[in-house]
Amino acid sequence: MSRHLAHGDPLTAQSPPRHASWQLNAGCRDSDPNLFFEAFDCEGQAWEQAAKAICSSCTVRRACLDYALDASETSGIWGGLNPLERRQYKWFHSSRSSPG
C-alpha cells in the first residue's frame, strides 16, 4: 500500500522487490493512508467504504491482497478487504485446498 512508499515506512526496505513493484501502481498511492488504517472500533464505516471504493478499481488489488495475506497484516484495508474479511478469505481458501 502506498503508505509504505510515501512515508518511508521501514517495511519498504524489508519487503521483497515483488511487493514494491505492485505498490508503485497501487490505486491508493496518492490517497491519505489514514483512510486505509482507521481504527476499526470507531462509529460508522464510511471510511472503510471509501477505502474499498478505491480498491475496487485498482489494477493491483490481487497483488495487494496477496501481500497482506502473506505478511499476515492485522490492520487496515488491503486488496479491498478488512482484517476480518482477510481472515475469512484465508480460511475459506485454505479449507478448499485441504484434502477432505
C-alpha atoms as a PDB file:
ATOM      1  CA  MET A   1       0.000   0.000   0.000  1.00  0.00           C
ATOM      2  CA  SER A   2       1.221   3.485  -0.732  1.00  0.00           C
ATOM      3  CA  ARG A   3       1.571   4.224   2.952  1.00  0.00           C
ATOM      4  CA  HIS A   4       4.809   2.308   2.941  1.00  0.00           C
ATOM      5  CA  LEU A   5       6.316   4.088  -0.026  1.00  0.00           C
ATOM      6  CA  ALA A   6       5.049   7.597   0.536  1.00  0.00           C
ATOM      7  CA  HIS A   7       6.010   7.870   4.171  1.00  0.00           C
ATOM      8  CA  GLY A   8       9.291   5.967   4.206  1.00  0.00           C
ATOM      9  CA  ASP A   9       7.928   3.159   6.335  1.00  0.00           C
ATOM     10  CA  PRO A  10      10.674   0.644   7.186  1.00  0.00           C
ATOM     11  CA  LEU A  11       8.582  -2.094   5.592  1.00  0.00           C
ATOM     12  CA  THR A  12       9.605  -0.878   2.143  1.00  0.00           C
ATOM     13  CA  ALA A  13      13.262  -1.555   2.838  1.00  0.00           C
ATOM     14  CA  GLN A  14      12.454  -5.029   4.137  1.00  0.00           C
ATOM     15  CA  SER A  15       9.897  -6.035   1.519  1.00  0.00           C
ATOM     16  CA  PRO A  16      10.895  -8.289  -1.344  1.00  0.00           C
ATOM     17  CA  PRO A  17      11.104  -6.436  -4.674  1.00  0.00           C
ATOM     18  CA  ARG A  18       7.941  -8.114  -5.993  1.00  0.00           C
ATOM     19  CA  HIS A  19       5.906  -6.217  -3.400  1.00  0.00           C
ATOM     20  CA  ALA A  20       7.480  -2.855  -4.161  1.00  0.00           C
ATOM     21  CA  SER A  21       6.655  -3.112  -7.858  1.00  0.00           C
ATOM     22  CA  TRP A  22       2.920  -3.507  -7.330  1.00  0.00           C
ATOM     23  CA  GLN A  23       2.898  -0.691  -4.748  1.00  0.00           C
ATOM     24  CA  LEU A  24       4.104   1.723  -7.415  1.00  0.00           C
ATOM     25  CA  ASN A  25       0.890   1.066  -9.365  1.00  0.00           C
ATOM     26  CA  ALA A  26      -1.497   0.967  -6.404  1.00  0.00           C
ATOM     27  CA  GLY A  27      -4.692   2.966  -6.741  1.00  0.00           C
ATOM     28  CA  CYS A  28      -4.204   4.197  -3.176  1.00  0.00           C
ATOM     29  CA  ARG A  29      -0.736   5.572  -3.867  1.00  0.00           C
ATOM     30  CA  ASP A  30      -1.880   9.196  -3.786  1.00  0.00           C
ATOM     31  CA  SER A  31      -4.569   8.709  -1.130  1.00  0.00           C
ATOM     32  CA  ASP A  32      -4.395   9.588   2.547  1.00  0.00           C
ATOM     33  CA  PRO A  33      -3.070   6.419   4.235  1.00  0.00           C
ATOM     34  CA  ASN A  34      -5.259   7.101   7.269  1.00  0.00           C
ATOM     35  CA  LEU A  35      -8.245   6.245   5.102  1.00  0.00           C
ATOM     36  CA  PHE A  36      -6.989   2.648   4.959  1.00  0.00           C
ATOM     37  CA  PHE A  37      -5.882   2.368   8.578  1.00  0.00           C
ATOM     38  CA  GLU A  38      -8.647   3.960  10.668  1.00  0.00           C
ATOM     39  CA  ALA A  39      -9.435   2.321  13.988  1.00  0.00           C
ATOM     40  CA  PHE A  40     -11.967  -0.441  13.490  1.00  0.00           C
ATOM     41  CA  ASP A  41     -13.815   0.473  16.679  1.00  0.00           C
ATOM     42  CA  CYS A  42     -14.871   3.948  15.537  1.00  0.00           C
ATOM     43  CA  GLU A  43     -18.527   4.605  14.841  1.00  0.00           C
ATOM     44  CA  GLY A  44     -19.680   4.285  11.276  1.00  0.00           C
ATOM     45  CA  GLN A  45     -17.827   2.610   8.469  1.00  0.00           C
ATOM     46  CA  ALA A  46     -17.897   5.363   5.849  1.00  0.00           C
ATOM     47  CA  TRP A  47     -14.094   5.483   5.825  1.00  0.00           C
ATOM     48  CA  GLU A  48     -13.949   1.738   5.139  1.00  0.00           C
ATOM     49  CA  GLN A  49     -16.396   2.046   2.262  1.00  0.00           C
ATOM     50  CA  ALA A  50     -14.348   4.921   0.823  1.00  0.00           C
ATOM     51  CA  ALA A  51     -11.140   2.874   1.041  1.00  0.00           C
ATOM     52  CA  LYS A  52     -12.802  -0.143  -0.540  1.00  0.00           C
ATOM     53  CA  ALA A  53     -14.125   2.050  -3.358  1.00  0.00           C
ATOM     54  CA  ILE A  54     -10.533   2.954  -4.235  1.00  0.00           C
ATOM     55  CA  CYS A  55      -9.550  -0.710  -4.080  1.00  0.00           C
ATOM     56  CA  SER A  56     -12.438  -1.773  -6.294  1.00  0.00           C
ATOM     57  CA  SER A  57     -10.926  -0.107  -9.353  1.00  0.00           C
ATOM     58  CA  CYS A  58      -7.285  -0.798  -8.510  1.00  0.00           C
ATOM     59  CA  THR A  59      -5.295  -2.741 -11.099  1.00  0.00           C
ATOM     60  CA  VAL A  60      -3.043  -4.353  -8.469  1.00  0.00           C
ATOM     61  CA  ARG A  61      -5.758  -5.298  -5.983  1.00  0.00           C
ATOM     62  CA  ARG A  62      -4.916  -9.009  -6.101  1.00  0.00           C
ATOM     63  CA  ALA A  63      -1.190  -8.397  -5.518  1.00  0.00           C
ATOM     64  CA  CYS A  64      -2.081  -6.142  -2.580  1.00  0.00           C
ATOM     65  CA  LEU A  65      -4.329  -8.807  -1.082  1.00  0.00           C
ATOM     66  CA  ASP A  66      -1.695 -11.498  -1.628  1.00  0.00           C
ATOM     67  CA  TYR A  67       0.866  -9.322   0.128  1.00  0.00           C
ATOM     68  CA  ALA A  68      -1.450  -8.767   3.109  1.00  0.00           C
ATOM     69  CA  LEU A  69      -2.191 -12.476   3.375  1.00  0.00           C
ATOM     70  CA  ASP A  70       1.480 -13.462   3.079  1.00  0.00           C
ATOM     71  CA  ALA A  71       2.512 -10.821   5.632  1.00  0.00           C
ATOM     72  CA  SER A  72      -0.406 -11.634   7.963  1.00  0.00           C
ATOM     73  CA  GLU A  73      -1.397  -7.971   8.080  1.00  0.00           C
ATOM     74  CA  THR A  74      -3.707  -7.472  11.061  1.00  0.00           C
ATOM     75  CA  SER A  75      -4.932  -3.960  10.362  1.00  0.00           C
ATOM     76  CA  GLY A  76      -6.135  -1.785   7.555  1.00  0.00           C
ATOM     77  CA  ILE A  77      -7.775  -2.335   4.213  1.00  0.00           C
ATOM     78  CA  TRP A  78      -5.591  -4.366   1.855  1.00  0.00           C
ATOM     79  CA  GLY A  79      -6.781  -5.644  -1.501  1.00  0.00           C
ATOM     80  CA  GLY A  80     -10.251  -4.358  -0.686  1.00  0.00           C
ATOM     81  CA  LEU A  81     -10.649  -6.453   2.465  1.00  0.00           C
ATOM     82  CA  ASN A  82     -10.576  -5.532   6.153  1.00  0.00           C
ATOM     83  CA  PRO A  83      -8.806  -7.778   8.707  1.00  0.00           C
ATOM     84  CA  LEU A  84     -11.862  -9.926   9.430  1.00  0.00           C
ATOM     85  CA  GLU A  85     -12.602 -10.383   5.747  1.00  0.00           C
ATOM     86  CA  ARG A  86      -8.964 -11.366   5.110  1.00  0.00           C
ATOM     87  CA  ARG A  87      -9.105 -13.991   7.868  1.00  0.00           C
ATOM     88  CA  GLN A  88     -12.331 -15.372   6.407  1.00  0.00           C
ATOM     89  CA  TYR A  89     -10.874 -15.343   2.891  1.00  0.00           C
ATOM     90  CA  LYS A  90      -7.742 -17.138   4.045  1.00  0.00           C
ATOM     91  CA  TRP A  91      -9.733 -19.729   5.999  1.00  0.00           C
ATOM     92  CA  PHE A  92     -12.126 -20.352   3.106  1.00  0.00           C
ATOM     93  CA  HIS A  93      -9.370 -20.773   0.558  1.00  0.00           C
ATOM     94  CA  SER A  94      -7.175 -22.913   2.796  1.00  0.00           C
ATOM     95  CA  SER A  95     -10.106 -25.214   3.685  1.00  0.00           C
ATOM     96  CA  ARG A  96     -10.979 -25.646  -0.005  1.00  0.00           C
ATOM     97  CA  SER A  97      -7.457 -26.699  -0.893  1.00  0.00           C
ATOM     98  CA  SER A  98      -7.089 -29.106   2.044  1.00  0.00           C
ATOM     99  CA  PRO A  99      -7.753 -32.768   1.342  1.00  0.00           C
ATOM    100  CA  GLY A 100     -11.083 -33.630   2.778  1.00  0.00           C
END
